[in-house]
Amino acid sequence: MTATIDNMTQGKADGVRRNFWKTVKRAARQVPFMEDVVAAYYCAFDRETPAQARAILIGALAYFVLPFDAIPDFIAMVGFADDVAVLTAAMATLRQNVKPSHREAAKRALEEIG
């Protein structure tokens, strides 16, 4: 099962890795819980995170970073609203998988891109 989930999410994972930080910088002022989003990113790419949780997080993060979604991100004030809803649902479901080390890494990363 793990190999199947990993294979299904690999394309999305590649897109997330390529576009994540650019999107974070662009959305930082519009997404009030960006530290949680970045912690979810670190959790999604942590091999100790269960495969099913990684797959769900990568799917939600892909929705956040990839340009094609229900409400285009370039629309002022509402562009990230659907992304926030998807991320909130995924993170609420998988909150127990986000470790303190993921949160610390997120905090450091956001301080660096300040």
Protein backbone atom coordinates (compact mmCIF):
# COMPACT_ATOMS: atom_id res chain seq x y z
CA MET A 1 0.00 0.00 0.00
CA THR A 2 2.80 2.45 0.86
CA ALA A 3 4.43 2.08 -2.55
CA THR A 4 1.06 2.67 -4.25
CA ILE A 5 0.44 5.87 -2.28
CA ASP A 6 3.99 7.04 -2.92
CA ASN A 7 3.63 6.39 -6.67
CA MET A 8 0.26 8.14 -6.84
CA THR A 9 1.52 11.25 -5.08
CA GLN A 10 5.00 11.52 -6.64
CA GLY A 11 3.93 13.90 -9.42
CA LYS A 12 2.09 16.13 -6.96
CA ALA A 13 5.03 15.99 -4.56
CA ASP A 14 7.39 17.16 -7.29
CA GLY A 15 5.09 20.09 -8.06
CA VAL A 16 4.84 20.98 -4.38
CA ARG A 17 8.63 20.92 -3.98
CA ARG A 18 9.11 23.13 -7.07
CA ASN A 19 6.47 25.73 -6.21
CA PHE A 20 6.00 25.72 -2.44
CA TRP A 21 8.33 28.49 -1.30
CA LYS A 22 7.36 30.83 -4.13
CA THR A 23 3.70 30.41 -3.17
CA VAL A 24 4.45 30.84 0.53
CA LYS A 25 6.13 34.17 -0.15
CA ARG A 26 3.22 35.32 -2.31
CA ALA A 27 0.51 34.17 0.11
CA ALA A 28 2.14 35.00 3.45
CA ARG A 29 -0.07 38.04 4.09
CA GLN A 30 -3.26 36.34 2.96
CA VAL A 31 -2.99 33.07 4.88
CA PRO A 32 -3.10 33.78 8.63
CA PHE A 33 -1.75 30.37 9.67
CA MET A 34 1.24 30.15 7.34
CA GLU A 35 3.42 28.59 10.04
CA ASP A 36 0.99 25.66 10.18
CA VAL A 37 1.09 25.34 6.38
CA VAL A 38 4.88 25.22 6.39
CA ALA A 39 4.84 22.71 9.26
CA ALA A 40 2.47 20.58 7.15
CA TYR A 41 5.00 20.79 4.30
CA TYR A 42 7.76 19.44 6.53
CA CYS A 43 5.42 16.75 7.87
CA ALA A 44 4.40 15.72 4.33
CA PHE A 45 8.02 15.13 3.32
CA ASP A 46 9.06 13.41 6.55
CA ARG A 47 9.48 9.68 5.87
CA GLU A 48 8.40 8.96 9.46
CA THR A 49 4.95 10.39 8.73
CA PRO A 50 2.52 7.60 7.81
CA ALA A 51 2.12 7.20 4.04
CA GLN A 52 -1.61 7.93 4.04
CA ALA A 53 -1.10 11.16 6.00
CA ARG A 54 1.73 12.18 3.62
CA ALA A 55 -0.53 11.55 0.62
CA ILE A 56 -3.34 13.70 2.06
CA LEU A 57 -0.99 16.52 3.02
CA ILE A 58 0.74 16.48 -0.36
CA GLY A 59 -2.66 16.63 -2.07
CA ALA A 60 -3.70 19.63 0.02
CA LEU A 61 -0.33 21.35 -0.48
CA ALA A 62 -0.53 20.68 -4.22
CA TYR A 63 -3.91 22.43 -4.29
CA PHE A 64 -2.24 25.35 -2.52
CA VAL A 65 0.77 25.69 -4.82
CA LEU A 66 -0.45 24.59 -8.22
CA PRO A 67 -2.11 27.31 -10.29
CA PHE A 68 -5.29 25.49 -11.28
CA ASP A 69 -7.98 25.45 -8.64
CA ALA A 70 -11.56 26.58 -8.02
CA ILE A 71 -10.70 30.23 -7.34
CA PRO A 72 -7.57 31.51 -9.11
CA ASP A 73 -4.99 32.69 -6.58
CA PHE A 74 -4.37 35.98 -8.39
CA ILE A 75 -7.87 37.29 -7.53
CA ALA A 76 -7.32 39.79 -4.72
CA MET A 77 -8.68 38.99 -1.26
CA VAL A 78 -10.41 35.72 -2.24
CA GLY A 79 -7.82 33.94 -4.36
CA PHE A 80 -6.45 31.83 -1.53
CA ALA A 81 -9.82 31.28 0.20
CA ASP A 82 -10.41 27.86 -1.33
CA ASP A 83 -6.79 26.89 -0.70
CA VAL A 84 -7.19 27.86 2.96
CA ALA A 85 -10.32 25.70 3.25
CA VAL A 86 -8.57 22.64 1.78
CA LEU A 87 -5.47 23.14 3.94
CA THR A 88 -7.53 23.69 7.08
CA ALA A 89 -9.46 20.46 6.55
CA ALA A 90 -6.33 18.42 5.87
CA MET A 91 -4.41 19.89 8.80
CA ALA A 92 -7.33 19.42 11.23
CA THR A 93 -7.57 15.77 10.25
CA LEU A 94 -3.84 15.13 10.45
CA ARG A 95 -2.80 17.46 13.27
CA GLN A 96 -1.47 14.54 15.36
CA ASN A 97 1.13 13.81 12.66
CA VAL A 98 2.73 17.26 12.81
CA LYS A 99 5.62 16.99 15.27
CA PRO A 100 7.32 19.75 17.25
CA SER A 101 10.33 19.35 14.93
CA HIS A 102 8.11 20.20 11.94
CA ARG A 103 6.83 23.30 13.74
CA GLU A 104 10.36 24.41 14.67
CA ALA A 105 11.56 23.94 11.09
CA ALA A 106 8.58 25.99 9.88
CA LYS A 107 9.28 28.79 12.31
CA ARG A 108 12.95 28.96 11.26
CA ALA A 109 12.09 28.86 7.55
CA LEU A 110 9.58 31.70 7.85
CA GLU A 111 12.05 33.79 9.83
CA GLU A 112 14.62 33.28 7.05
CA ILE A 113 12.29 34.35 4.24
CA GLY A 114 10.88 37.11 6.48
